[in-house]
mmCIF file of all heavy atoms, coordinates in Angstrom:
data_MODEL
# 
_entry.id   MODEL 
# 
loop_
_atom_site.group_PDB 
_atom_site.id 
_atom_site.type_symbol 
_atom_site.label_atom_id 
_atom_site.label_alt_id 
_atom_site.label_comp_id 
_atom_site.label_asym_id 
_atom_site.label_entity_id 
_atom_site.label_seq_id 
_atom_site.pdbx_PDB_ins_code 
_atom_site.Cartn_x 
_atom_site.Cartn_y 
_atom_site.Cartn_z 
_atom_site.occupancy 
_atom_site.B_iso_or_equiv 
_atom_site.pdbx_formal_charge 
_atom_site.auth_seq_id 
_atom_site.auth_comp_id 
_atom_site.auth_asym_id 
_atom_site.auth_atom_id 
_atom_site.pdbx_PDB_model_num 
ATOM 1   N N   . ILE A 1 1  ? 14.357  -5.520  -2.652 1.00 0.00 ? 1  ILE A N   1 
ATOM 2   C CA  . ILE A 1 1  ? 14.211  -4.481  -1.627 1.00 0.00 ? 1  ILE A CA  1 
ATOM 3   C C   . ILE A 1 1  ? 13.594  -5.018  -0.338 1.00 0.00 ? 1  ILE A C   1 
ATOM 4   O O   . ILE A 1 1  ? 13.127  -4.256  0.496  1.00 0.00 ? 1  ILE A O   1 
ATOM 5   C CB  . ILE A 1 1  ? 13.384  -3.296  -2.157 1.00 0.00 ? 1  ILE A CB  1 
ATOM 6   C CG1 . ILE A 1 1  ? 11.968  -3.729  -2.576 1.00 0.00 ? 1  ILE A CG1 1 
ATOM 7   C CG2 . ILE A 1 1  ? 14.100  -2.635  -3.336 1.00 0.00 ? 1  ILE A CG2 1 
ATOM 8   C CD1 . ILE A 1 1  ? 11.059  -2.553  -2.929 1.00 0.00 ? 1  ILE A CD1 1 
ATOM 9   N N   . ALA A 1 2  ? 13.597  -6.332  -0.165 1.00 0.00 ? 2  ALA A N   1 
ATOM 10  C CA  . ALA A 1 2  ? 12.966  -6.938  1.008  1.00 0.00 ? 2  ALA A CA  1 
ATOM 11  C C   . ALA A 1 2  ? 13.564  -6.414  2.312  1.00 0.00 ? 2  ALA A C   1 
ATOM 12  O O   . ALA A 1 2  ? 12.883  -6.372  3.347  1.00 0.00 ? 2  ALA A O   1 
ATOM 13  C CB  . ALA A 1 2  ? 13.084  -8.456  0.949  1.00 0.00 ? 2  ALA A CB  1 
ATOM 14  N N   . HIS A 1 3  ? 14.824  -5.992  2.275  1.00 0.00 ? 3  HIS A N   1 
ATOM 15  C CA  . HIS A 1 3  ? 15.522  -5.539  3.483  1.00 0.00 ? 3  HIS A CA  1 
ATOM 16  C C   . HIS A 1 3  ? 15.276  -4.065  3.794  1.00 0.00 ? 3  HIS A C   1 
ATOM 17  O O   . HIS A 1 3  ? 15.636  -3.585  4.872  1.00 0.00 ? 3  HIS A O   1 
ATOM 18  C CB  . HIS A 1 3  ? 17.029  -5.737  3.305  1.00 0.00 ? 3  HIS A CB  1 
ATOM 19  C CG  . HIS A 1 3  ? 17.599  -4.939  2.173  1.00 0.00 ? 3  HIS A CG  1 
ATOM 20  N ND1 . HIS A 1 3  ? 17.352  -5.251  0.853  1.00 0.00 ? 3  HIS A ND1 1 
ATOM 21  C CD2 . HIS A 1 3  ? 18.384  -3.820  2.150  1.00 0.00 ? 3  HIS A CD2 1 
ATOM 22  C CE1 . HIS A 1 3  ? 17.972  -4.383  0.065  1.00 0.00 ? 3  HIS A CE1 1 
ATOM 23  N NE2 . HIS A 1 3  ? 18.596  -3.513  0.828  1.00 0.00 ? 3  HIS A NE2 1 
ATOM 24  N N   . ILE A 1 4  ? 14.640  -3.333  2.879  1.00 0.00 ? 4  ILE A N   1 
ATOM 25  C CA  . ILE A 1 4  ? 14.462  -1.889  3.045  1.00 0.00 ? 4  ILE A CA  1 
ATOM 26  C C   . ILE A 1 4  ? 13.181  -1.614  3.831  1.00 0.00 ? 4  ILE A C   1 
ATOM 27  O O   . ILE A 1 4  ? 12.115  -2.128  3.490  1.00 0.00 ? 4  ILE A O   1 
ATOM 28  C CB  . ILE A 1 4  ? 14.397  -1.204  1.667  1.00 0.00 ? 4  ILE A CB  1 
ATOM 29  C CG1 . ILE A 1 4  ? 15.742  -1.348  0.944  1.00 0.00 ? 4  ILE A CG1 1 
ATOM 30  C CG2 . ILE A 1 4  ? 14.032  0.277   1.808  1.00 0.00 ? 4  ILE A CG2 1 
ATOM 31  C CD1 . ILE A 1 4  ? 15.748  -0.808  -0.469 1.00 0.00 ? 4  ILE A CD1 1 
ATOM 32  N N   . PRO A 1 5  ? 13.247  -0.800  4.888  1.00 0.00 ? 5  PRO A N   1 
ATOM 33  C CA  . PRO A 1 5  ? 12.027  -0.478  5.643  1.00 0.00 ? 5  PRO A CA  1 
ATOM 34  C C   . PRO A 1 5  ? 11.126  0.469   4.864  1.00 0.00 ? 5  PRO A C   1 
ATOM 35  O O   . PRO A 1 5  ? 11.605  1.315   4.093  1.00 0.00 ? 5  PRO A O   1 
ATOM 36  C CB  . PRO A 1 5  ? 12.567  0.194   6.913  1.00 0.00 ? 5  PRO A CB  1 
ATOM 37  C CG  . PRO A 1 5  ? 13.887  0.764   6.511  1.00 0.00 ? 5  PRO A CG  1 
ATOM 38  C CD  . PRO A 1 5  ? 14.450  -0.174  5.477  1.00 0.00 ? 5  PRO A CD  1 
ATOM 39  N N   . ALA A 1 6  ? 9.826   0.334   5.075  1.00 0.00 ? 6  ALA A N   1 
ATOM 40  C CA  . ALA A 1 6  ? 8.867   1.166   4.345  1.00 0.00 ? 6  ALA A CA  1 
ATOM 41  C C   . ALA A 1 6  ? 7.670   1.502   5.218  1.00 0.00 ? 6  ALA A C   1 
ATOM 42  O O   . ALA A 1 6  ? 7.258   0.704   6.067  1.00 0.00 ? 6  ALA A O   1 
ATOM 43  C CB  . ALA A 1 6  ? 8.394   0.455   3.078  1.00 0.00 ? 6  ALA A CB  1 
ATOM 44  N N   . GLU A 1 7  ? 7.135   2.682   5.002  1.00 0.00 ? 7  GLU A N   1 
ATOM 45  C CA  . GLU A 1 7  ? 5.868   3.122   5.575  1.00 0.00 ? 7  GLU A CA  1 
ATOM 46  C C   . GLU A 1 7  ? 4.907   3.339   4.407  1.00 0.00 ? 7  GLU A C   1 
ATOM 47  O O   . GLU A 1 7  ? 5.212   4.092   3.474  1.00 0.00 ? 7  GLU A O   1 
ATOM 48  C CB  . GLU A 1 7  ? 6.049   4.432   6.342  1.00 0.00 ? 7  GLU A CB  1 
ATOM 49  C CG  . GLU A 1 7  ? 6.956   4.349   7.552  1.00 0.00 ? 7  GLU A CG  1 
ATOM 50  C CD  . GLU A 1 7  ? 6.218   3.917   8.802  1.00 0.00 ? 7  GLU A CD  1 
ATOM 51  O OE1 . GLU A 1 7  ? 4.971   3.814   8.748  1.00 0.00 ? 7  GLU A OE1 1 
ATOM 52  O OE2 . GLU A 1 7  ? 6.888   3.699   9.831  1.00 0.00 ? 7  GLU A OE2 1 
ATOM 53  N N   . VAL A 1 8  ? 3.756   2.690   4.444  1.00 0.00 ? 8  VAL A N   1 
ATOM 54  C CA  . VAL A 1 8  ? 2.760   2.799   3.376  1.00 0.00 ? 8  VAL A CA  1 
ATOM 55  C C   . VAL A 1 8  ? 1.496   3.413   3.974  1.00 0.00 ? 8  VAL A C   1 
ATOM 56  O O   . VAL A 1 8  ? 0.945   2.889   4.944  1.00 0.00 ? 8  VAL A O   1 
ATOM 57  C CB  . VAL A 1 8  ? 2.452   1.428   2.751  1.00 0.00 ? 8  VAL A CB  1 
ATOM 58  C CG1 . VAL A 1 8  ? 1.381   1.553   1.675  1.00 0.00 ? 8  VAL A CG1 1 
ATOM 59  C CG2 . VAL A 1 8  ? 3.727   0.808   2.180  1.00 0.00 ? 8  VAL A CG2 1 
ATOM 60  N N   . VAL A 1 9  ? 1.065   4.527   3.400  1.00 0.00 ? 9  VAL A N   1 
ATOM 61  C CA  . VAL A 1 9  ? -0.129  5.239   3.865  1.00 0.00 ? 9  VAL A CA  1 
ATOM 62  C C   . VAL A 1 9  ? -1.191  5.140   2.777  1.00 0.00 ? 9  VAL A C   1 
ATOM 63  O O   . VAL A 1 9  ? -0.930  5.469   1.606  1.00 0.00 ? 9  VAL A O   1 
ATOM 64  C CB  . VAL A 1 9  ? 0.193   6.712   4.180  1.00 0.00 ? 9  VAL A CB  1 
ATOM 65  C CG1 . VAL A 1 9  ? -1.086  7.476   4.529  1.00 0.00 ? 9  VAL A CG1 1 
ATOM 66  C CG2 . VAL A 1 9  ? 1.210   6.809   5.318  1.00 0.00 ? 9  VAL A CG2 1 
ATOM 67  N N   . GLN A 1 10 ? -2.381  4.711   3.157  1.00 0.00 ? 10 GLN A N   1 
ATOM 68  C CA  . GLN A 1 10 ? -3.432  4.451   2.173  1.00 0.00 ? 10 GLN A CA  1 
ATOM 69  C C   . GLN A 1 10 ? -4.771  4.961   2.664  1.00 0.00 ? 10 GLN A C   1 
ATOM 70  O O   . GLN A 1 10 ? -5.211  4.603   3.762  1.00 0.00 ? 10 GLN A O   1 
ATOM 71  C CB  . GLN A 1 10 ? -3.541  2.947   1.902  1.00 0.00 ? 10 GLN A CB  1 
ATOM 72  C CG  . GLN A 1 10 ? -4.596  2.556   0.895  1.00 0.00 ? 10 GLN A CG  1 
ATOM 73  C CD  . GLN A 1 10 ? -4.251  2.992   -0.524 1.00 0.00 ? 10 GLN A CD  1 
ATOM 74  O OE1 . GLN A 1 10 ? -3.098  2.939   -0.933 1.00 0.00 ? 10 GLN A OE1 1 
ATOM 75  N NE2 . GLN A 1 10 ? -5.255  3.416   -1.272 1.00 0.00 ? 10 GLN A NE2 1 
ATOM 76  N N   . GLY A 1 11 ? -5.429  5.818   1.869  1.00 0.00 ? 11 GLY A N   1 
ATOM 77  C CA  . GLY A 1 11 ? -6.792  6.215   2.189  1.00 0.00 ? 11 GLY A CA  1 
ATOM 78  C C   . GLY A 1 11 ? -7.745  5.053   1.953  1.00 0.00 ? 11 GLY A C   1 
ATOM 79  O O   . GLY A 1 11 ? -7.701  4.412   0.894  1.00 0.00 ? 11 GLY A O   1 
ATOM 80  N N   . ARG A 1 12 ? -8.578  4.772   2.925  1.00 0.00 ? 12 ARG A N   1 
ATOM 81  C CA  . ARG A 1 12 ? -9.519  3.663   2.802  1.00 0.00 ? 12 ARG A CA  1 
ATOM 82  C C   . ARG A 1 12 ? -10.398 3.818   1.567  1.00 0.00 ? 12 ARG A C   1 
ATOM 83  O O   . ARG A 1 12 ? -10.702 2.839   0.879  1.00 0.00 ? 12 ARG A O   1 
ATOM 84  C CB  . ARG A 1 12 ? -10.400 3.594   4.058  1.00 0.00 ? 12 ARG A CB  1 
ATOM 85  C CG  . ARG A 1 12 ? -11.565 2.604   3.978  1.00 0.00 ? 12 ARG A CG  1 
ATOM 86  C CD  . ARG A 1 12 ? -11.085 1.164   3.958  1.00 0.00 ? 12 ARG A CD  1 
ATOM 87  N NE  . ARG A 1 12 ? -10.588 0.767   5.273  1.00 0.00 ? 12 ARG A NE  1 
ATOM 88  C CZ  . ARG A 1 12 ? -10.002 -0.403  5.531  1.00 0.00 ? 12 ARG A CZ  1 
ATOM 89  N NH1 . ARG A 1 12 ? -9.827  -1.283  4.546  1.00 0.00 ? 12 ARG A NH1 1 
ATOM 90  N NH2 . ARG A 1 12 ? -9.585  -0.693  6.748  1.00 0.00 ? 12 ARG A NH2 1 
ATOM 91  N N   . TYR A 1 13 ? -10.820 5.056   1.270  1.00 0.00 ? 13 TYR A N   1 
ATOM 92  C CA  . TYR A 1 13 ? -11.733 5.297   0.160  1.00 0.00 ? 13 TYR A CA  1 
ATOM 93  C C   . TYR A 1 13 ? -11.020 5.957   -1.023 1.00 0.00 ? 13 TYR A C   1 
ATOM 94  O O   . TYR A 1 13 ? -11.621 6.758   -1.747 1.00 0.00 ? 13 TYR A O   1 
ATOM 95  C CB  . TYR A 1 13 ? -12.920 6.132   0.650  1.00 0.00 ? 13 TYR A CB  1 
ATOM 96  C CG  . TYR A 1 13 ? -13.671 5.420   1.745  1.00 0.00 ? 13 TYR A CG  1 
ATOM 97  C CD1 . TYR A 1 13 ? -13.554 5.817   3.075  1.00 0.00 ? 13 TYR A CD1 1 
ATOM 98  C CD2 . TYR A 1 13 ? -14.461 4.307   1.458  1.00 0.00 ? 13 TYR A CD2 1 
ATOM 99  C CE1 . TYR A 1 13 ? -14.221 5.142   4.083  1.00 0.00 ? 13 TYR A CE1 1 
ATOM 100 C CE2 . TYR A 1 13 ? -15.128 3.627   2.459  1.00 0.00 ? 13 TYR A CE2 1 
ATOM 101 C CZ  . TYR A 1 13 ? -15.007 4.049   3.773  1.00 0.00 ? 13 TYR A CZ  1 
ATOM 102 O OH  . TYR A 1 13 ? -15.663 3.367   4.770  1.00 0.00 ? 13 TYR A OH  1 
ATOM 103 N N   . ASP A 1 14 ? -9.775  5.586   -1.220 1.00 0.00 ? 14 ASP A N   1 
ATOM 104 C CA  . ASP A 1 14 ? -9.021  6.027   -2.391 1.00 0.00 ? 14 ASP A CA  1 
ATOM 105 C C   . ASP A 1 14 ? -9.622  5.343   -3.615 1.00 0.00 ? 14 ASP A C   1 
ATOM 106 O O   . ASP A 1 14 ? -9.525  4.131   -3.764 1.00 0.00 ? 14 ASP A O   1 
ATOM 107 C CB  . ASP A 1 14 ? -7.545  5.649   -2.216 1.00 0.00 ? 14 ASP A CB  1 
ATOM 108 C CG  . ASP A 1 14 ? -6.645  6.164   -3.329 1.00 0.00 ? 14 ASP A CG  1 
ATOM 109 O OD1 . ASP A 1 14 ? -7.152  6.454   -4.421 1.00 0.00 ? 14 ASP A OD1 1 
ATOM 110 O OD2 . ASP A 1 14 ? -5.426  6.255   -3.091 1.00 0.00 ? 14 ASP A OD2 1 
ATOM 111 N N   . MET A 1 15 ? -10.217 6.130   -4.493 1.00 0.00 ? 15 MET A N   1 
ATOM 112 C CA  . MET A 1 15 ? -10.842 5.565   -5.681 1.00 0.00 ? 15 MET A CA  1 
ATOM 113 C C   . MET A 1 15 ? -9.924  5.592   -6.902 1.00 0.00 ? 15 MET A C   1 
ATOM 114 O O   . MET A 1 15 ? -10.146 4.850   -7.858 1.00 0.00 ? 15 MET A O   1 
ATOM 115 C CB  . MET A 1 15 ? -12.144 6.308   -6.002 1.00 0.00 ? 15 MET A CB  1 
ATOM 116 C CG  . MET A 1 15 ? -13.259 6.080   -4.998 1.00 0.00 ? 15 MET A CG  1 
ATOM 117 S SD  . MET A 1 15 ? -13.826 4.348   -4.991 1.00 0.00 ? 15 MET A SD  1 
ATOM 118 C CE  . MET A 1 15 ? -13.162 3.791   -3.432 1.00 0.00 ? 15 MET A CE  1 
ATOM 119 N N   . VAL A 1 16 ? -8.906  6.446   -6.889 1.00 0.00 ? 16 VAL A N   1 
ATOM 120 C CA  . VAL A 1 16 ? -7.965  6.490   -8.003 1.00 0.00 ? 16 VAL A CA  1 
ATOM 121 C C   . VAL A 1 16 ? -7.013  5.300   -7.935 1.00 0.00 ? 16 VAL A C   1 
ATOM 122 O O   . VAL A 1 16 ? -6.730  4.647   -8.941 1.00 0.00 ? 16 VAL A O   1 
ATOM 123 C CB  . VAL A 1 16 ? -7.195  7.828   -8.010 1.00 0.00 ? 16 VAL A CB  1 
ATOM 124 C CG1 . VAL A 1 16 ? -6.132  7.851   -9.111 1.00 0.00 ? 16 VAL A CG1 1 
ATOM 125 C CG2 . VAL A 1 16 ? -8.169  8.994   -8.190 1.00 0.00 ? 16 VAL A CG2 1 
ATOM 126 N N   . CYS A 1 17 ? -6.518  5.018   -6.736 1.00 0.00 ? 17 CYS A N   1 
ATOM 127 C CA  . CYS A 1 17 ? -5.646  3.859   -6.505 1.00 0.00 ? 17 CYS A CA  1 
ATOM 128 C C   . CYS A 1 17 ? -6.223  3.078   -5.328 1.00 0.00 ? 17 CYS A C   1 
ATOM 129 O O   . CYS A 1 17 ? -5.824  3.280   -4.176 1.00 0.00 ? 17 CYS A O   1 
ATOM 130 C CB  . CYS A 1 17 ? -4.213  4.308   -6.196 1.00 0.00 ? 17 CYS A CB  1 
ATOM 131 S SG  . CYS A 1 17 ? -3.406  5.179   -7.554 1.00 0.00 ? 17 CYS A SG  1 
ATOM 132 N N   . PRO A 1 18 ? -7.186  2.195   -5.578 1.00 0.00 ? 18 PRO A N   1 
ATOM 133 C CA  . PRO A 1 18 ? -7.892  1.509   -4.488 1.00 0.00 ? 18 PRO A CA  1 
ATOM 134 C C   . PRO A 1 18 ? -6.964  0.750   -3.547 1.00 0.00 ? 18 PRO A C   1 
ATOM 135 O O   . PRO A 1 18 ? -5.870  0.313   -3.917 1.00 0.00 ? 18 PRO A O   1 
ATOM 136 C CB  . PRO A 1 18 ? -8.839  0.570   -5.228 1.00 0.00 ? 18 PRO A CB  1 
ATOM 137 C CG  . PRO A 1 18 ? -9.097  1.248   -6.532 1.00 0.00 ? 18 PRO A CG  1 
ATOM 138 C CD  . PRO A 1 18 ? -7.786  1.886   -6.886 1.00 0.00 ? 18 PRO A CD  1 
ATOM 139 N N   . ALA A 1 19 ? -7.431  0.588   -2.308 1.00 0.00 ? 19 ALA A N   1 
ATOM 140 C CA  . ALA A 1 19 ? -6.606  0.063   -1.217 1.00 0.00 ? 19 ALA A CA  1 
ATOM 141 C C   . ALA A 1 19 ? -6.079  -1.341  -1.473 1.00 0.00 ? 19 ALA A C   1 
ATOM 142 O O   . ALA A 1 19 ? -5.053  -1.733  -0.905 1.00 0.00 ? 19 ALA A O   1 
ATOM 143 C CB  . ALA A 1 19 ? -7.406  0.096   0.085  1.00 0.00 ? 19 ALA A CB  1 
ATOM 144 N N   . GLU A 1 20 ? -6.746  -2.112  -2.287 1.00 0.00 ? 20 GLU A N   1 
ATOM 145 C CA  . GLU A 1 20 ? -6.298  -3.478  -2.574 1.00 0.00 ? 20 GLU A CA  1 
ATOM 146 C C   . GLU A 1 20 ? -4.828  -3.507  -3.002 1.00 0.00 ? 20 GLU A C   1 
ATOM 147 O O   . GLU A 1 20 ? -4.073  -4.411  -2.620 1.00 0.00 ? 20 GLU A O   1 
ATOM 148 C CB  . GLU A 1 20 ? -7.164  -4.077  -3.679 1.00 0.00 ? 20 GLU A CB  1 
ATOM 149 C CG  . GLU A 1 20 ? -6.745  -5.474  -4.117 1.00 0.00 ? 20 GLU A CG  1 
ATOM 150 C CD  . GLU A 1 20 ? -7.560  -5.981  -5.291 1.00 0.00 ? 20 GLU A CD  1 
ATOM 151 O OE1 . GLU A 1 20 ? -8.166  -5.158  -6.008 1.00 0.00 ? 20 GLU A OE1 1 
ATOM 152 O OE2 . GLU A 1 20 ? -7.586  -7.208  -5.491 1.00 0.00 ? 20 GLU A OE2 1 
ATOM 153 N N   . THR A 1 21 ? -4.411  -2.507  -3.780 1.00 0.00 ? 21 THR A N   1 
ATOM 154 C CA  . THR A 1 21 ? -3.042  -2.485  -4.285 1.00 0.00 ? 21 THR A CA  1 
ATOM 155 C C   . THR A 1 21 ? -2.041  -2.303  -3.156 1.00 0.00 ? 21 THR A C   1 
ATOM 156 O O   . THR A 1 21 ? -0.988  -2.957  -3.130 1.00 0.00 ? 21 THR A O   1 
ATOM 157 C CB  . THR A 1 21 ? -2.887  -1.367  -5.336 1.00 0.00 ? 21 THR A CB  1 
ATOM 158 O OG1 . THR A 1 21 ? -3.832  -1.586  -6.383 1.00 0.00 ? 21 THR A OG1 1 
ATOM 159 C CG2 . THR A 1 21 ? -1.494  -1.366  -5.924 1.00 0.00 ? 21 THR A CG2 1 
ATOM 160 N N   . ALA A 1 22 ? -2.337  -1.418  -2.214 1.00 0.00 ? 22 ALA A N   1 
ATOM 161 C CA  . ALA A 1 22 ? -1.441  -1.224  -1.068 1.00 0.00 ? 22 ALA A CA  1 
ATOM 162 C C   . ALA A 1 22 ? -1.329  -2.508  -0.253 1.00 0.00 ? 22 ALA A C   1 
ATOM 163 O O   . ALA A 1 22 ? -0.234  -2.871  0.209  1.00 0.00 ? 22 ALA A O   1 
ATOM 164 C CB  . ALA A 1 22 ? -1.954  -0.082  -0.198 1.00 0.00 ? 22 ALA A CB  1 
ATOM 165 N N   . PHE A 1 23 ? -2.444  -3.208  -0.070 1.00 0.00 ? 23 PHE A N   1 
ATOM 166 C CA  . PHE A 1 23 ? -2.406  -4.470  0.670  1.00 0.00 ? 23 PHE A CA  1 
ATOM 167 C C   . PHE A 1 23 ? -1.573  -5.511  -0.074 1.00 0.00 ? 23 PHE A C   1 
ATOM 168 O O   . PHE A 1 23 ? -0.831  -6.274  0.542  1.00 0.00 ? 23 PHE A O   1 
ATOM 169 C CB  . PHE A 1 23 ? -3.824  -4.970  0.924  1.00 0.00 ? 23 PHE A CB  1 
ATOM 170 C CG  . PHE A 1 23 ? -4.508  -4.328  2.108  1.00 0.00 ? 23 PHE A CG  1 
ATOM 171 C CD1 . PHE A 1 23 ? -5.084  -3.065  1.984  1.00 0.00 ? 23 PHE A CD1 1 
ATOM 172 C CD2 . PHE A 1 23 ? -4.552  -4.967  3.325  1.00 0.00 ? 23 PHE A CD2 1 
ATOM 173 C CE1 . PHE A 1 23 ? -5.706  -2.466  3.074  1.00 0.00 ? 23 PHE A CE1 1 
ATOM 174 C CE2 . PHE A 1 23 ? -5.176  -4.372  4.429  1.00 0.00 ? 23 PHE A CE2 1 
ATOM 175 C CZ  . PHE A 1 23 ? -5.749  -3.118  4.293  1.00 0.00 ? 23 PHE A CZ  1 
ATOM 176 N N   . ASP A 1 24 ? -1.685  -5.550  -1.391 1.00 0.00 ? 24 ASP A N   1 
ATOM 177 C CA  . ASP A 1 24 ? -0.878  -6.487  -2.186 1.00 0.00 ? 24 ASP A CA  1 
ATOM 178 C C   . ASP A 1 24 ? 0.616   -6.180  -2.019 1.00 0.00 ? 24 ASP A C   1 
ATOM 179 O O   . ASP A 1 24 ? 1.441   -7.093  -1.900 1.00 0.00 ? 24 ASP A O   1 
ATOM 180 C CB  . ASP A 1 24 ? -1.252  -6.401  -3.667 1.00 0.00 ? 24 ASP A CB  1 
ATOM 181 C CG  . ASP A 1 24 ? -2.618  -6.989  -3.973 1.00 0.00 ? 24 ASP A CG  1 
ATOM 182 O OD1 . ASP A 1 24 ? -3.170  -7.706  -3.109 1.00 0.00 ? 24 ASP A OD1 1 
ATOM 183 O OD2 . ASP A 1 24 ? -3.134  -6.715  -5.073 1.00 0.00 ? 24 ASP A OD2 1 
ATOM 184 N N   . LEU A 1 25 ? 0.966   -4.902  -2.031 1.00 0.00 ? 25 LEU A N   1 
ATOM 185 C CA  . LEU A 1 25 ? 2.374   -4.525  -1.874 1.00 0.00 ? 25 LEU A CA  1 
ATOM 186 C C   . LEU A 1 25 ? 2.905   -4.907  -0.501 1.00 0.00 ? 25 LEU A C   1 
ATOM 187 O O   . LEU A 1 25 ? 3.979   -5.519  -0.389 1.00 0.00 ? 25 LEU A O   1 
ATOM 188 C CB  . LEU A 1 25 ? 2.532   -3.014  -2.093 1.00 0.00 ? 25 LEU A CB  1 
ATOM 189 C CG  . LEU A 1 25 ? 3.947   -2.475  -1.867 1.00 0.00 ? 25 LEU A CG  1 
ATOM 190 C CD1 . LEU A 1 25 ? 4.933   -3.063  -2.860 1.00 0.00 ? 25 LEU A CD1 1 
ATOM 191 C CD2 . LEU A 1 25 ? 3.951   -0.943  -1.930 1.00 0.00 ? 25 LEU A CD2 1 
ATOM 192 N N   . VAL A 1 26 ? 2.178   -4.581  0.533  1.00 0.00 ? 26 VAL A N   1 
ATOM 193 C CA  . VAL A 1 26 ? 2.640   -4.863  1.891  1.00 0.00 ? 26 VAL A CA  1 
ATOM 194 C C   . VAL A 1 26 ? 2.751   -6.370  2.129  1.00 0.00 ? 26 VAL A C   1 
ATOM 195 O O   . VAL A 1 26 ? 3.662   -6.836  2.829  1.00 0.00 ? 26 VAL A O   1 
ATOM 196 C CB  . VAL A 1 26 ? 1.704   -4.189  2.916  1.00 0.00 ? 26 VAL A CB  1 
ATOM 197 C CG1 . VAL A 1 26 ? 2.028   -4.642  4.342  1.00 0.00 ? 26 VAL A CG1 1 
ATOM 198 C CG2 . VAL A 1 26 ? 1.830   -2.673  2.814  1.00 0.00 ? 26 VAL A CG2 1 
ATOM 199 N N   . ALA A 1 27 ? 1.870   -7.156  1.536  1.00 0.00 ? 27 ALA A N   1 
ATOM 200 C CA  . ALA A 1 27 ? 1.943   -8.610  1.674  1.00 0.00 ? 27 ALA A CA  1 
ATOM 201 C C   . ALA A 1 27 ? 3.235   -9.170  1.076  1.00 0.00 ? 27 ALA A C   1 
ATOM 202 O O   . ALA A 1 27 ? 3.700   -10.239 1.486  1.00 0.00 ? 27 ALA A O   1 
ATOM 203 C CB  . ALA A 1 27 ? 0.732   -9.264  1.007  1.00 0.00 ? 27 ALA A CB  1 
# 
């Protein structure tokens, strides 16, 4: 899916799904 555009929205203080995971995905 490298060619598919995406918008990722992440709460800084999301404790259920901490922000580290969103950063890993976007990287």
